[in-house]
Amino acid sequence: MKRARIIYNPSSGRELVRKQLPYILERLEQAGYETSAHATTGEGCARKAAEIAVRRKYDLVIAAGGDGTVFEVINGLAEKEYRPTLGIIPAGTTNDFARALGIPRNIKKNCDILCGDYTRFIDIGKANEKYFINVAAGGAFTELTYQVPSKLKTIFGRLAYFIKGFEKLAYIKTKTVRFEYDNKVYEGDVLFFLICNSTSVGGFERIALRSKIDDGLFDLIIVEKMNIPKLVGAGIQTLSGKHLKNAKIKYYQAKNIKVSVKDGTPLNLDGEYGGEFPCEFTNLNKHFKLLVPKPKNMIKTSKK
């Protein structure tokens, strides 16, 4: 019999997964999985649980919670020779990677995916000795995701990041950053930058419009120095995907990226603190097999 292990954050999404756990377990058992669950208790717990799941050779590991839970599970699995099939139950504030892949927050619809057999091989990123599944970032605003209090996120959801972001507008400063990407070089004064593995970042679903999760490439987005009104305008452009026409926003694709920052600045990986720069990023092409929704054309075909 196949075995599944659910690694979940009991406090995510107003305890969404904890409340629905009996239903999730029942659905997986009906699908032929011998299923067990592990509730995380603090930082690093999900990673350790994922490492144990590898040692015990589970067939399926499900990361249930916010982007931080998924990040820890990825780091527990990524460097291992044996890697179980991955599932995601998004129950956090932004759920960027799940959003980009159309993985629903609705538990019933999500279980339809977890109990199915449609998978895709997905890229992940390696940042020095850590791993990320959705985005690496540096510069202004990028520390918001781990500075916003959990209570504020619970009450206001994604709006909490905007509230915190507006507080910081008056204090933003540029950093002199050097990027070496696939034998090319960019150096300049930068507000912030993103190294994306999907189209969705910070709840904005059209940030990296050219991104594909299995092409072996990162999407590097660099936001150059600009004043606050122009920065706000660029943010509005992002909603419609027109930000790529902005001369102050650079967009490149690359498999390997080295980043050096003159002044010390923290690295953000999937919304979590990832250390300090300099950092070398490597795209690990098709590193995980992930359960995802079937494309709509396949669903229509199956009904005929």
Protein backbone atom coordinates (compact mmCIF):
# COMPACT_ATOMS: atom_id res chain seq x y z
CA MET A 1 0.00 0.00 0.00
CA LYS A 2 1.18 3.53 -0.79
CA ARG A 3 1.94 5.78 2.17
CA ALA A 4 1.34 9.50 2.54
CA ARG A 5 2.63 11.91 5.18
CA ILE A 6 0.92 15.26 5.83
CA ILE A 7 3.18 17.91 7.36
CA TYR A 8 0.94 20.76 8.45
CA ASN A 9 1.05 24.03 10.33
CA PRO A 10 -1.91 23.82 12.75
CA SER A 11 -2.24 27.61 13.01
CA SER A 12 -2.16 28.48 9.28
CA GLY A 13 -5.23 29.95 7.66
CA ARG A 14 -7.16 30.26 10.92
CA GLU A 15 -6.49 26.57 11.59
CA LEU A 16 -7.95 25.55 8.22
CA VAL A 17 -5.98 22.30 7.86
CA ARG A 18 -6.31 21.28 11.51
CA LYS A 19 -10.09 21.63 11.33
CA GLN A 20 -10.33 19.70 8.07
CA LEU A 21 -7.72 17.04 8.92
CA PRO A 22 -10.20 14.15 9.49
CA TYR A 23 -11.73 14.79 6.05
CA ILE A 24 -8.30 14.99 4.37
CA LEU A 25 -7.15 11.74 6.02
CA GLU A 26 -10.36 9.97 5.00
CA ARG A 27 -10.05 11.09 1.38
CA LEU A 28 -6.44 9.92 1.14
CA GLU A 29 -7.27 6.58 2.75
CA GLN A 30 -10.10 6.09 0.23
CA ALA A 31 -7.57 6.80 -2.53
CA GLY A 32 -5.38 3.94 -1.33
CA TYR A 33 -2.88 5.74 0.90
CA GLU A 34 -1.92 4.67 4.40
CA THR A 35 -1.85 8.19 5.76
CA SER A 36 -0.39 9.89 8.82
CA ALA A 37 0.04 13.52 9.85
CA HIS A 38 2.63 15.63 11.66
CA ALA A 39 1.71 18.99 13.22
CA THR A 40 4.59 21.46 13.25
CA THR A 41 5.52 23.14 16.51
CA GLY A 42 7.94 25.88 15.46
CA GLU A 43 10.71 26.97 13.12
CA GLY A 44 12.57 24.09 11.49
CA CYS A 45 10.00 21.48 12.52
CA ALA A 46 8.56 20.97 9.02
CA ARG A 47 12.05 20.47 7.59
CA LYS A 48 12.92 17.80 10.15
CA ALA A 49 9.59 16.07 9.53
CA ALA A 50 10.30 16.04 5.78
CA GLU A 51 13.74 14.51 6.37
CA ILE A 52 12.14 11.76 8.47
CA ALA A 53 9.58 11.15 5.72
CA VAL A 54 12.45 10.58 3.28
CA ARG A 55 14.15 8.09 5.61
CA ARG A 56 10.87 6.21 6.00
CA LYS A 57 10.35 6.21 2.20
CA TYR A 58 6.90 7.75 2.08
CA ASP A 59 5.45 7.78 -1.44
CA LEU A 60 3.76 11.16 -1.00
CA VAL A 61 4.64 14.11 1.25
CA ILE A 62 2.05 16.89 1.56
CA ALA A 63 3.08 20.35 2.74
CA ALA A 64 -0.01 21.92 4.32
CA GLY A 65 0.23 25.54 5.43
CA GLY A 66 1.65 28.80 4.18
CA ASP A 67 4.64 29.50 1.97
CA GLY A 68 6.92 29.08 5.00
CA THR A 69 5.74 25.51 5.57
CA VAL A 70 6.26 24.65 1.90
CA PHE A 71 9.72 26.26 2.06
CA GLU A 72 10.77 24.11 5.02
CA VAL A 73 9.43 20.90 3.47
CA ILE A 74 11.29 21.64 0.24
CA ASN A 75 14.51 22.15 2.19
CA GLY A 76 13.98 18.85 3.97
CA LEU A 77 13.55 16.95 0.70
CA ALA A 78 15.60 18.78 -1.92
CA GLU A 79 19.09 17.42 -1.35
CA LYS A 80 18.01 13.81 -0.89
CA GLU A 81 18.56 11.13 -3.53
CA TYR A 82 15.09 9.71 -2.85
CA ARG A 83 12.42 12.39 -3.16
CA PRO A 84 8.74 11.51 -2.63
CA THR A 85 6.00 12.94 -4.81
CA LEU A 86 5.05 16.35 -3.42
CA GLY A 87 1.58 17.67 -2.65
CA ILE A 88 0.55 21.13 -1.43
CA ILE A 89 -2.44 22.28 0.62
CA PRO A 90 -2.23 26.10 0.56
CA ALA A 91 -3.44 27.56 3.84
CA GLY A 92 -1.31 30.66 4.31
CA THR A 93 -1.69 34.36 3.55
CA THR A 94 -0.41 34.54 -0.03
CA ASN A 95 0.25 30.92 -1.18
CA ASP A 96 2.12 32.24 -4.20
CA PHE A 97 3.42 29.02 -5.72
CA ALA A 98 0.11 27.19 -5.30
CA ARG A 99 -1.69 30.20 -6.80
CA ALA A 100 0.57 30.16 -9.86
CA LEU A 101 -0.22 26.49 -10.47
CA GLY A 102 -3.93 26.79 -9.85
CA ILE A 103 -3.81 24.61 -6.72
CA PRO A 104 -6.99 25.55 -4.83
CA ARG A 105 -7.33 26.52 -1.18
CA ASN A 106 -10.74 24.79 -1.06
CA ILE A 107 -10.10 21.53 0.80
CA LYS A 108 -12.51 19.36 -1.20
CA LYS A 109 -11.10 20.51 -4.54
CA ASN A 110 -7.58 20.22 -3.19
CA CYS A 111 -8.18 16.63 -2.10
CA ASP A 112 -9.41 15.83 -5.61
CA ILE A 113 -5.90 16.74 -6.79
CA LEU A 114 -4.05 14.95 -3.97
CA CYS A 115 -6.05 11.79 -4.57
CA GLY A 116 -5.53 11.95 -8.32
CA ASP A 117 -2.56 10.94 -10.41
CA TYR A 118 -1.81 14.01 -12.51
CA THR A 119 1.68 15.32 -11.82
CA ARG A 120 4.20 17.74 -13.26
CA PHE A 121 7.94 17.90 -12.82
CA ILE A 122 8.88 21.30 -11.43
CA ASP A 123 12.05 23.35 -11.07
CA ILE A 124 13.31 24.62 -7.74
CA GLY A 125 16.10 27.05 -6.91
CA LYS A 126 19.27 26.51 -4.89
CA ALA A 127 20.61 29.60 -3.09
CA ASN A 128 24.07 28.79 -1.70
CA GLU A 129 23.15 25.84 0.54
CA LYS A 130 19.41 26.53 0.84
CA TYR A 131 16.53 25.85 -1.52
CA PHE A 132 13.43 27.75 -2.61
CA ILE A 133 10.42 26.86 -4.70
CA ASN A 134 8.96 30.23 -5.70
CA VAL A 135 11.09 33.35 -5.26
CA ALA A 136 14.34 34.75 -3.91
CA ALA A 137 14.52 38.48 -3.27
CA GLY A 138 16.65 41.28 -1.91
CA GLY A 139 16.42 45.03 -1.31
CA ALA A 140 13.57 47.28 -0.21
CA PHE A 141 10.34 45.66 1.05
CA THR A 142 11.66 42.10 0.78
CA GLU A 143 11.94 41.71 4.55
CA LEU A 144 8.21 42.42 4.95
CA THR A 145 7.17 38.80 4.65
CA TYR A 146 9.02 37.76 7.78
CA GLN A 147 8.55 41.05 9.67
CA VAL A 148 4.76 41.31 9.45
CA PRO A 149 3.32 39.93 12.72
CA SER A 150 1.32 36.73 12.36
CA LYS A 151 -1.67 38.32 14.13
CA LEU A 152 -1.73 41.13 11.57
CA LYS A 153 -1.65 38.59 8.73
CA THR A 154 -4.48 36.62 10.34
CA ILE A 155 -6.66 39.72 10.63
CA PHE A 156 -5.87 41.50 7.36
CA GLY A 157 -4.49 38.75 5.10
CA ARG A 158 -2.49 40.07 2.14
CA LEU A 159 -3.52 43.62 3.06
CA ALA A 160 -1.12 43.32 6.01
CA TYR A 161 1.84 43.45 3.63
CA PHE A 162 0.55 46.61 1.98
CA ILE A 163 0.03 48.25 5.37
CA LYS A 164 3.59 47.45 6.37
CA GLY A 165 4.89 48.43 2.95
CA PHE A 166 3.37 51.92 3.10
CA GLU A 167 5.04 52.41 6.47
CA LYS A 168 8.42 51.85 4.82
CA LEU A 169 7.95 54.00 1.70
CA ALA A 170 9.56 57.07 3.27
CA TYR A 171 12.65 55.11 4.30
CA ILE A 172 13.51 53.11 1.19
CA LYS A 173 17.07 53.27 -0.04
CA THR A 174 18.82 51.82 -3.07
CA LYS A 175 21.57 49.22 -2.98
CA THR A 176 24.46 48.91 -5.40
CA VAL A 177 24.06 45.39 -6.74
CA ARG A 178 26.07 43.32 -9.22
CA PHE A 179 24.38 40.47 -11.09
CA GLU A 180 26.30 37.88 -13.09
CA TYR A 181 23.83 35.81 -15.04
CA ASP A 182 24.72 33.21 -17.70
CA ASN A 183 27.98 35.01 -18.60
CA LYS A 184 26.35 38.46 -18.65
CA VAL A 185 26.72 41.28 -16.13
CA TYR A 186 24.44 44.01 -14.77
CA GLU A 187 25.52 46.45 -12.06
CA GLY A 188 23.63 49.46 -10.77
CA ASP A 189 21.62 51.15 -8.02
CA VAL A 190 18.63 48.94 -7.33
CA LEU A 191 15.56 49.30 -5.13
CA PHE A 192 14.88 45.59 -5.05
CA PHE A 193 15.11 42.49 -7.19
CA LEU A 194 13.31 39.19 -7.59
CA ILE A 195 14.55 35.82 -8.81
CA CYS A 196 11.33 34.06 -9.74
CA ASN A 197 10.39 30.46 -10.40
CA SER A 198 6.69 31.18 -11.01
CA THR A 199 4.49 34.04 -12.18
CA SER A 200 3.12 34.94 -8.73
CA VAL A 201 4.96 36.93 -6.05
CA GLY A 202 3.51 38.59 -2.95
CA GLY A 203 -0.04 38.01 -4.12
CA PHE A 204 0.64 39.68 -7.50
CA GLU A 205 -0.13 37.04 -10.10
CA ARG A 206 1.50 38.66 -13.13
CA ILE A 207 4.95 39.61 -11.84
CA ALA A 208 7.06 37.23 -13.95
CA LEU A 209 4.92 36.89 -17.06
CA ARG A 210 7.38 34.69 -18.98
CA SER A 211 8.02 32.29 -16.13
CA LYS A 212 7.48 28.55 -16.52
CA ILE A 213 7.91 26.08 -13.70
CA ASP A 214 9.76 23.50 -15.78
CA ASP A 215 11.95 25.44 -18.25
CA GLY A 216 15.16 25.34 -16.21
CA LEU A 217 15.30 29.15 -16.05
CA PHE A 218 14.86 31.82 -13.41
CA ASP A 219 13.14 35.10 -14.22
CA LEU A 220 15.31 37.93 -12.88
CA ILE A 221 13.43 41.18 -12.28
CA ILE A 222 15.42 44.27 -11.28
CA VAL A 223 13.69 47.45 -10.12
CA GLU A 224 16.05 50.39 -10.55
CA LYS A 225 16.17 53.62 -8.55
CA MET A 226 13.02 55.75 -8.92
CA ASN A 227 11.06 58.21 -6.81
CA ILE A 228 8.05 57.20 -4.75
CA PRO A 229 5.30 58.38 -7.18
CA LYS A 230 6.94 56.45 -10.03
CA LEU A 231 7.36 53.42 -7.80
CA VAL A 232 3.66 53.49 -6.89
CA GLY A 233 2.86 53.82 -10.61
CA ALA A 234 5.03 50.80 -11.37
CA GLY A 235 3.13 48.86 -8.73
CA ILE A 236 -0.16 49.73 -10.40
CA GLN A 237 1.27 48.63 -13.76
CA THR A 238 2.03 45.24 -12.20
CA LEU A 239 -1.69 44.53 -11.79
CA SER A 240 -2.15 44.46 -15.57
CA GLY A 241 1.26 43.04 -16.46
CA LYS A 242 2.39 46.32 -18.08
CA HIS A 243 5.33 46.80 -15.72
CA LEU A 244 7.70 45.14 -18.20
CA LYS A 245 7.33 48.20 -20.45
CA ASN A 246 8.73 50.39 -17.67
CA ALA A 247 12.29 51.48 -18.51
CA LYS A 248 13.26 51.25 -14.84
CA ILE A 249 12.33 47.58 -14.61
CA LYS A 250 14.73 45.08 -16.15
CA TYR A 251 13.69 41.53 -16.98
CA TYR A 252 16.12 38.71 -17.79
CA GLN A 253 16.02 34.92 -17.85
CA ALA A 254 18.94 32.77 -16.72
CA LYS A 255 19.83 29.37 -15.28
CA ASN A 256 22.60 30.60 -12.98
CA ILE A 257 22.77 33.97 -11.20
CA LYS A 258 25.41 35.37 -8.86
CA VAL A 259 24.41 38.39 -6.76
CA SER A 260 26.73 40.67 -4.80
CA VAL A 261 25.53 43.64 -2.73
CA LYS A 262 27.93 46.35 -1.52
CA ASP A 263 26.06 47.06 1.71
CA GLY A 264 24.89 44.17 3.83
CA THR A 265 21.36 43.16 2.96
CA PRO A 266 19.26 40.12 3.91
CA LEU A 267 18.22 37.44 1.45
CA ASN A 268 14.55 36.47 1.33
CA LEU A 269 13.67 32.93 0.20
CA ASP A 270 9.97 32.14 -0.26
CA GLY A 271 9.12 34.77 2.34
CA GLU A 272 11.62 33.47 4.90
CA TYR A 273 14.98 34.84 6.01
CA GLY A 274 17.60 33.09 3.87
CA GLY A 275 20.89 34.54 5.11
CA GLU A 276 23.04 37.31 3.63
CA PHE A 277 24.54 38.15 0.25
CA PRO A 278 26.65 37.38 -1.75
CA CYS A 279 24.71 34.42 -3.08
CA GLU A 280 24.82 32.09 -6.05
CA PHE A 281 21.51 30.84 -7.43
CA THR A 282 21.20 27.67 -9.48
CA ASN A 283 18.05 26.39 -11.16
CA LEU A 284 17.49 22.68 -10.51
CA ASN A 285 15.47 21.66 -13.53
CA LYS A 286 12.50 19.30 -12.97
CA HIS A 287 13.74 18.42 -9.49
CA PHE A 288 10.37 17.48 -7.94
CA LYS A 289 7.27 15.62 -9.06
CA LEU A 290 4.23 17.61 -7.87
CA LEU A 291 0.53 16.74 -7.84
CA VAL A 292 -1.29 19.50 -9.74
CA PRO A 293 -4.72 20.16 -11.29
CA LYS A 294 -5.39 18.59 -14.65
CA PRO A 295 -5.43 21.08 -17.54
CA LYS A 296 -8.97 22.11 -18.47
CA ASN A 297 -8.71 20.60 -21.94
CA MET A 298 -7.92 17.19 -20.37
CA ILE A 299 -10.93 17.48 -18.07
CA LYS A 300 -13.21 18.24 -21.01
CA THR A 301 -11.78 15.34 -22.99
CA SER A 302 -12.33 12.89 -20.14
CA LYS A 303 -16.06 13.75 -20.05
CA LYS A 304 -16.63 12.77 -23.65
